[in-house]
Protein backbone atom coordinates (compact mmCIF):
# COMPACT_ATOMS: atom_id res chain seq x y z
CA UNK A 1 0.06 0.07 -0.25
CA UNK A 2 1.32 3.45 -1.13
CA UNK A 3 3.12 5.71 2.19
CA UNK A 4 0.48 8.51 1.04
CA UNK A 5 -2.45 6.03 2.19
CA UNK A 6 -0.42 5.01 5.34
CA UNK A 7 0.03 8.86 6.28
CA UNK A 8 -3.67 9.84 5.68
CA UNK A 9 -4.60 6.83 8.06
CA UNK A 10 -2.26 8.07 10.63
CA UNK A 11 -3.78 11.72 10.35
CA UNK A 12 -7.27 10.62 10.69
CA UNK A 13 -6.63 8.61 14.10
CA UNK A 14 -4.77 11.46 15.83
CA UNK A 15 -7.19 14.12 14.66
CA UNK A 16 -9.79 11.84 16.29
CA UNK A 17 -7.74 11.59 19.78
CA UNK A 18 -7.37 15.59 19.78
CA UNK A 19 -10.99 16.42 21.02
CA UNK A 20 -10.60 14.17 24.08
CA UNK A 21 -7.33 16.05 25.02
CA UNK A 22 -8.98 19.12 24.73
CA UNK A 23 -12.09 18.09 26.64
CA UNK A 24 -9.92 17.05 29.97
CA UNK A 25 -8.00 20.36 29.62
CA UNK A 26 -11.41 22.09 29.66
CA UNK A 27 -12.68 20.11 32.71
CA UNK A 28 -9.61 20.81 34.62
CA UNK A 29 -9.86 24.56 33.90
CA UNK A 30 -13.38 24.82 35.25
CA UNK A 31 -12.14 23.35 38.35
CA UNK A 32 -9.28 25.66 38.95
CA UNK A 33 -9.82 28.78 41.01
CA UNK A 34 -10.74 31.91 39.50
CA UNK A 35 -8.07 34.18 38.58
CA UNK A 36 -7.08 37.16 40.58
CA UNK A 37 -4.36 39.86 40.25
CA UNK A 38 -2.83 38.74 43.14
CA UNK A 39 -2.81 35.31 42.29
CA UNK A 40 -1.51 35.75 38.74
CA UNK A 41 2.03 35.02 39.59
CA UNK A 42 1.34 31.82 41.75
CA UNK A 43 -1.19 30.40 39.29
CA UNK A 44 0.82 30.97 36.50
CA UNK A 45 3.46 28.12 37.22
CA UNK A 46 0.56 25.60 37.90
CA UNK A 47 -0.83 26.62 34.35
CA UNK A 48 2.51 25.70 32.75
CA UNK A 49 2.78 22.84 34.71
CA UNK A 50 -0.63 21.21 33.61
CA UNK A 51 -0.11 22.50 30.30
CA UNK A 52 3.44 20.52 30.31
CA UNK A 53 1.76 17.35 31.80
CA UNK A 54 -1.02 17.92 29.21
CA UNK A 55 1.34 17.69 26.44
CA UNK A 56 3.12 15.06 27.77
CA UNK A 57 0.20 13.00 28.12
CA UNK A 58 -0.98 13.78 24.84
CA UNK A 59 2.56 13.18 23.40
CA UNK A 60 2.32 9.61 25.20
CA UNK A 61 -1.13 9.05 23.43
CA UNK A 62 0.16 10.07 20.26
CA UNK A 63 3.12 7.83 20.34
CA UNK A 64 0.99 4.89 21.69
CA UNK A 65 -1.67 5.55 18.95
CA UNK A 66 1.27 5.40 16.27
CA UNK A 67 2.78 2.29 18.05
CA UNK A 68 -0.87 0.56 18.24
CA UNK A 69 -1.57 1.00 14.40
CA UNK A 70 -0.58 -1.93 12.78
CA UNK A 71 2.11 -1.27 10.12
CA UNK A 72 1.16 -1.68 6.65
CA UNK A 73 2.93 -4.85 4.96
CA UNK A 74 5.55 -3.60 2.78
CA UNK A 75 4.67 -3.95 -0.76
CA UNK A 76 6.25 -6.93 -2.33
CA UNK A 77 9.23 -5.98 -4.48
CA UNK A 78 8.54 -6.81 -8.16
CA UNK A 79 10.46 -9.58 -9.48
CA UNK A 80 13.09 -8.36 -11.75
CA UNK A 81 13.31 -10.86 -14.54
CA UNK A 82 16.86 -11.41 -15.67
CA UNK A 83 17.29 -10.90 -19.16
CA UNK A 84 17.38 -14.14 -20.95
CA UNK A 85 20.87 -15.30 -22.06
CA UNK A 86 21.26 -13.79 -25.61
CA UNK A 87 21.65 -16.66 -28.04
CA UNK A 88 25.07 -16.27 -29.91
CA UNK A 89 24.18 -14.75 -33.17
CA UNK A 90 24.41 -17.16 -36.10
CA UNK A 91 27.10 -15.86 -38.65
CA UNK A 92 25.32 -13.86 -41.40
CA UNK A 93 24.73 -15.95 -44.45
CA UNK A 94 26.58 -14.85 -47.26
CA UNK A 95 24.88 -12.54 -49.87
CA UNK A 96 23.92 -15.15 -52.59
CA UNK A 97 26.17 -14.29 -55.61
CA UNK A 98 24.24 -13.74 -58.92
CA UNK A 99 25.29 -16.13 -61.49
CA UNK A 100 27.74 -14.29 -64.05
CA UNK A 101 26.45 -12.73 -66.88
CA UNK A 102 26.88 -14.15 -70.40
CA UNK A 103 27.55 -12.20 -73.42
CA UNK A 104 24.38 -11.62 -75.86
CA UNK A 105 25.96 -14.38 -78.40
CA UNK A 106 26.09 -16.97 -75.63
CA UNK A 107 22.76 -16.09 -74.81
CA UNK A 108 21.54 -16.36 -78.40
CA UNK A 109 23.23 -19.73 -78.71
CA UNK A 110 21.40 -21.08 -75.72
CA UNK A 111 18.19 -19.91 -77.15
CA UNK A 112 18.50 -21.53 -80.56
CA UNK A 113 19.57 -24.63 -78.87
CA UNK A 114 16.44 -24.73 -76.61
CA UNK A 115 14.76 -26.77 -79.59
CA UNK A 116 17.02 -29.57 -78.73
CA UNK A 117 16.65 -29.95 -74.92
CA UNK A 118 15.28 -33.51 -73.76
CA UNK A 119 11.77 -34.15 -74.12
CA UNK A 120 11.74 -35.23 -70.67
CA UNK A 121 13.24 -32.87 -67.92
CA UNK A 122 15.43 -34.79 -65.53
CA UNK A 123 14.96 -32.15 -62.63
CA UNK A 124 11.01 -32.54 -62.86
CA UNK A 125 9.49 -34.50 -60.37
CA UNK A 126 7.70 -37.80 -61.78
CA UNK A 127 4.10 -38.00 -60.90
CA UNK A 128 3.11 -41.25 -58.93
CA UNK A 129 1.20 -42.66 -60.25
CA UNK A 130 1.62 -41.45 -63.86
CA UNK A 131 -1.25 -39.75 -65.16
CA UNK A 132 -2.38 -37.32 -67.90
CA UNK A 133 -3.23 -33.75 -66.88
CA UNK A 134 -5.19 -30.74 -68.68
CA UNK A 135 -4.31 -27.07 -69.04
CA UNK A 136 -5.57 -24.05 -71.19
CA UNK A 137 -2.98 -21.61 -72.84
CA UNK A 138 -4.01 -18.37 -74.05
CA UNK A 139 -2.22 -16.32 -76.93
CA UNK A 140 -3.38 -13.53 -78.77
CA UNK A 141 -4.25 -13.94 -82.66
CA UNK A 142 -4.51 -10.29 -83.62
CA UNK A 143 -1.27 -8.16 -84.05
CA UNK A 144 -0.37 -5.95 -81.18
CA UNK A 145 2.50 -3.71 -81.10
CA UNK A 146 4.60 -3.77 -77.67
CA UNK A 147 7.79 -1.93 -77.25
CA UNK A 148 8.29 -1.90 -81.14
CA UNK A 149 7.65 -5.43 -81.26
CA UNK A 150 4.79 -7.35 -83.04
CA UNK A 151 2.93 -9.80 -80.80
CA UNK A 152 0.80 -12.16 -82.56
CA UNK A 153 0.59 -16.24 -82.18
CA UNK A 154 -2.84 -17.82 -83.42
CA UNK A 155 -3.62 -21.52 -83.56
CA UNK A 156 -3.08 -21.24 -87.50
CA UNK A 157 0.54 -19.82 -86.75
CA UNK A 158 0.95 -22.89 -84.66
CA UNK A 159 -0.31 -25.28 -87.29
CA UNK A 160 2.13 -23.89 -89.84
CA UNK A 161 5.42 -24.62 -87.78
CA UNK A 162 7.59 -27.33 -88.76
CA UNK A 163 9.07 -27.82 -85.15
CA UNK A 164 7.76 -28.09 -81.88
CA UNK A 165 7.10 -24.46 -80.71
CA UNK A 166 8.36 -23.11 -77.38
CA UNK A 167 5.78 -21.22 -75.48
CA UNK A 168 7.72 -18.47 -74.54
CA UNK A 169 7.01 -15.28 -72.90
CA UNK A 170 5.29 -16.23 -69.67
CA UNK A 171 5.98 -13.36 -66.89
CA UNK A 172 3.67 -14.30 -64.37
CA UNK A 173 4.73 -16.77 -61.49
CA UNK A 174 1.52 -18.50 -61.19
CA UNK A 175 1.35 -19.25 -64.80
CA UNK A 176 5.19 -20.30 -64.95
CA UNK A 177 4.59 -22.49 -62.09
CA UNK A 178 1.66 -24.26 -64.13
CA UNK A 179 4.19 -24.71 -67.26
CA UNK A 180 6.64 -26.28 -64.59
CA UNK A 181 4.07 -28.78 -63.46
CA UNK A 182 3.57 -30.02 -67.13
CA UNK A 183 4.91 -33.40 -68.37
CA UNK A 184 5.08 -34.71 -71.54
CA UNK A 185 1.82 -35.92 -73.03
CA UNK A 186 -0.55 -33.58 -71.13
CA UNK A 187 -3.32 -31.83 -73.35
CA UNK A 188 -3.96 -28.49 -73.28
CA UNK A 189 -6.70 -26.06 -74.78
CA UNK A 190 -5.44 -23.50 -77.17
CA UNK A 191 -7.41 -20.38 -76.26
CA UNK A 192 -7.47 -16.87 -78.34
CA UNK A 193 -7.55 -14.16 -76.29
CA UNK A 194 -7.50 -10.28 -76.35
CA UNK A 195 -9.51 -10.36 -79.37
CA UNK A 196 -12.87 -9.53 -80.98
CA UNK A 197 -14.29 -13.13 -80.18
CA UNK A 198 -11.94 -14.71 -77.34
CA UNK A 199 -12.51 -18.66 -76.87
CA UNK A 200 -11.31 -22.10 -77.29
CA UNK A 201 -10.14 -22.68 -80.49
CA UNK A 202 -8.46 -25.93 -80.54
CA UNK A 203 -6.12 -28.86 -78.78
CA UNK A 204 -2.23 -28.92 -78.24
CA UNK A 205 -0.09 -31.44 -76.60
CA UNK A 206 3.12 -31.14 -74.41
CA UNK A 207 5.93 -32.66 -76.39
CA UNK A 208 8.88 -31.10 -74.12
CA UNK A 209 8.76 -30.37 -70.60
CA UNK A 210 10.03 -26.99 -69.14
CA UNK A 211 13.27 -25.51 -69.79
CA UNK A 212 14.90 -21.98 -69.49
CA UNK A 213 13.05 -19.26 -71.69
CA UNK A 214 16.29 -17.51 -72.67
CA UNK A 215 14.23 -14.76 -74.15
CA UNK A 216 14.16 -13.20 -70.82
CA UNK A 217 17.94 -12.34 -70.90
CA UNK A 218 18.18 -11.03 -74.31
CA UNK A 219 17.16 -7.62 -75.02
CA UNK A 220 15.81 -8.10 -78.69
CA UNK A 221 12.40 -9.36 -78.03
CA UNK A 222 9.03 -7.90 -76.24
CA UNK A 223 9.84 -10.68 -73.44
CA UNK A 224 12.97 -9.34 -72.08
CA UNK A 225 13.45 -9.19 -68.30
CA UNK A 226 16.41 -7.00 -67.21
CA UNK A 227 16.36 -8.52 -63.60
CA UNK A 228 16.38 -12.26 -65.01
CA UNK A 229 19.62 -13.96 -63.82
CA UNK A 230 21.63 -15.39 -66.79
CA UNK A 231 21.42 -18.99 -65.45
CA UNK A 232 17.97 -19.00 -66.63
CA UNK A 233 16.29 -20.24 -63.72
CA UNK A 234 13.67 -17.32 -63.38
CA UNK A 235 11.56 -17.95 -66.27
CA UNK A 236 10.48 -21.13 -68.11
CA UNK A 237 8.88 -22.30 -71.45
CA UNK A 238 7.45 -25.74 -72.75
CA UNK A 239 7.28 -26.96 -76.05
CA UNK A 240 3.95 -27.80 -77.86
CA UNK A 241 2.39 -28.97 -80.82
CA UNK A 242 -1.30 -28.97 -82.34
CA UNK A 243 -3.20 -31.81 -82.16
CA UNK A 244 -6.34 -30.66 -83.98
CA UNK A 245 -8.36 -27.24 -84.83
CA UNK A 246 -11.98 -27.19 -83.56
CA UNK A 247 -14.44 -26.78 -86.52
CA UNK A 248 -16.11 -23.81 -84.42
CA UNK A 249 -14.83 -21.85 -81.59
CA UNK A 250 -16.06 -22.30 -78.03
CA UNK A 251 -16.60 -18.70 -77.16
CA UNK A 252 -15.84 -17.23 -73.65
CA UNK A 253 -19.44 -16.04 -73.63
CA UNK A 254 -20.86 -19.37 -73.83
CA UNK A 255 -18.35 -20.77 -70.99
CA UNK A 256 -19.37 -18.01 -68.86
CA UNK A 257 -23.23 -18.90 -69.48
CA UNK A 258 -22.97 -22.41 -68.81
CA UNK A 259 -20.14 -21.97 -65.95
CA UNK A 260 -22.30 -21.29 -63.12
CA UNK A 261 -24.64 -24.04 -63.87
CA UNK A 262 -22.46 -27.22 -64.13
CA UNK A 263 -18.97 -28.70 -64.47
CA UNK A 264 -17.41 -25.48 -65.35
CA UNK A 265 -18.49 -23.64 -62.07
CA UNK A 266 -14.88 -23.82 -60.76
CA UNK A 267 -13.05 -23.67 -64.04
CA UNK A 268 -9.92 -21.18 -63.50
CA UNK A 269 -10.43 -19.67 -66.71
CA UNK A 270 -13.69 -18.12 -65.29
CA UNK A 271 -12.23 -17.66 -61.75
CA UNK A 272 -8.69 -16.05 -62.79
CA UNK A 273 -9.52 -14.37 -65.95
CA UNK A 274 -5.83 -12.82 -66.16
CA UNK A 275 -3.92 -16.03 -65.87
CA UNK A 276 -2.49 -17.00 -69.22
CA UNK A 277 -1.88 -20.52 -67.85
CA UNK A 278 -4.63 -22.39 -66.31
CA UNK A 279 -5.14 -25.66 -64.84
CA UNK A 280 -8.30 -27.69 -66.26
CA UNK A 281 -10.03 -30.76 -64.42
CA UNK A 282 -10.67 -33.97 -66.44
CA UNK A 283 -14.42 -32.80 -65.70
CA UNK A 284 -14.18 -29.41 -67.32
CA UNK A 285 -11.91 -30.81 -70.02
CA UNK A 286 -14.77 -33.33 -70.89
CA UNK A 287 -17.48 -30.56 -70.57
CA UNK A 288 -15.72 -28.26 -73.20
CA UNK A 289 -15.30 -31.14 -75.60
CA UNK A 290 -18.91 -31.94 -75.40
CA UNK A 291 -19.76 -28.20 -76.00
CA UNK A 292 -17.21 -27.86 -79.11
CA UNK A 293 -18.99 -31.02 -80.54
CA UNK A 294 -22.43 -29.73 -80.06
CA UNK A 295 -21.52 -26.35 -81.70
CA UNK A 296 -20.57 -28.45 -84.88
CA UNK A 297 -23.71 -28.38 -86.45
CA UNK A 298 -22.25 -29.26 -89.86
CA UNK A 299 -20.72 -32.64 -88.56
CA UNK A 300 -17.37 -31.61 -89.16
CA UNK A 301 -15.55 -32.78 -86.01
CA UNK A 302 -14.09 -36.16 -87.45
CA UNK A 303 -13.07 -34.41 -90.49
CA UNK A 304 -11.34 -31.53 -88.54
CA UNK A 305 -9.36 -34.30 -86.63
CA UNK A 306 -8.28 -35.66 -89.81
CA UNK A 307 -7.36 -32.51 -91.31
CA UNK A 308 -5.28 -31.50 -87.97
CA UNK A 309 -2.94 -34.41 -88.73
CA UNK A 310 -1.94 -32.73 -92.14
CA UNK A 311 -0.78 -29.67 -90.38
CA UNK A 312 3.13 -29.57 -90.51
CA UNK A 313 3.26 -28.97 -86.69
CA UNK A 314 1.43 -32.04 -86.07
CA UNK A 315 4.22 -34.40 -86.86
CA UNK A 316 6.99 -32.19 -85.70
CA UNK A 317 9.14 -33.72 -83.43
């Protein structure tokens, strides 16, 4: 309890005792003989003696009152916690050194050689059990100029290629991670985006698993990334070839219309509209194929499948 409270309690008790002293003094005074001029000198010593006795008695009572009052227990001292022993600091990890920079000619040589990388990436984790997975990959069929470079790649452009095509230019981490999850033999929908009628226009297959996208390191294309290290570790691409082109596009507007009602309700294309490489479930895949066949009012589905086998890119290896 604070000392201030202790002092107030003592003062209260002492002030209560004072009236009793004063009362006794008043009684003694009433019993004393009346003062006279002749008795003044003789009475004065008695008064002084009585006052001294009264003060002594009062002082004694005061001391007794103070002694009788129980002292407050001292407040327990707050435990002072000893600071925990500091753990020895680990030596600061050395800053990871950036890989050495390559010359432009060296980078171009790596880019040119990317078509000859193994079909199966030895660093890619194998699926257990092995299974085919499905994807959706977006590309722009109409010409667009960015930083002075022309950007355009349609399903017809792919069909005309004589070698598997590297799916370059992915600069989004989620899309890149989807590329890295692809395995040889997976299938993907080819999707036309950023055009008058966006939608799914055909099927492609993965023929080479992920490898570095060296365009990120070379400042001669619209996909250059100044922050990309020269070991090719930041951005990846896969190589694809065409399977077949749909007789009719499956438009985005129809996918959105059907989406909330059935198997496409959770389709990434409809949930993550800006993601350029999407995952597709087997159920979603089958539903889109069903819709594509239903849109083929002229019965050209089988013909389109056979025509697709004649594309230069179909037999690309």
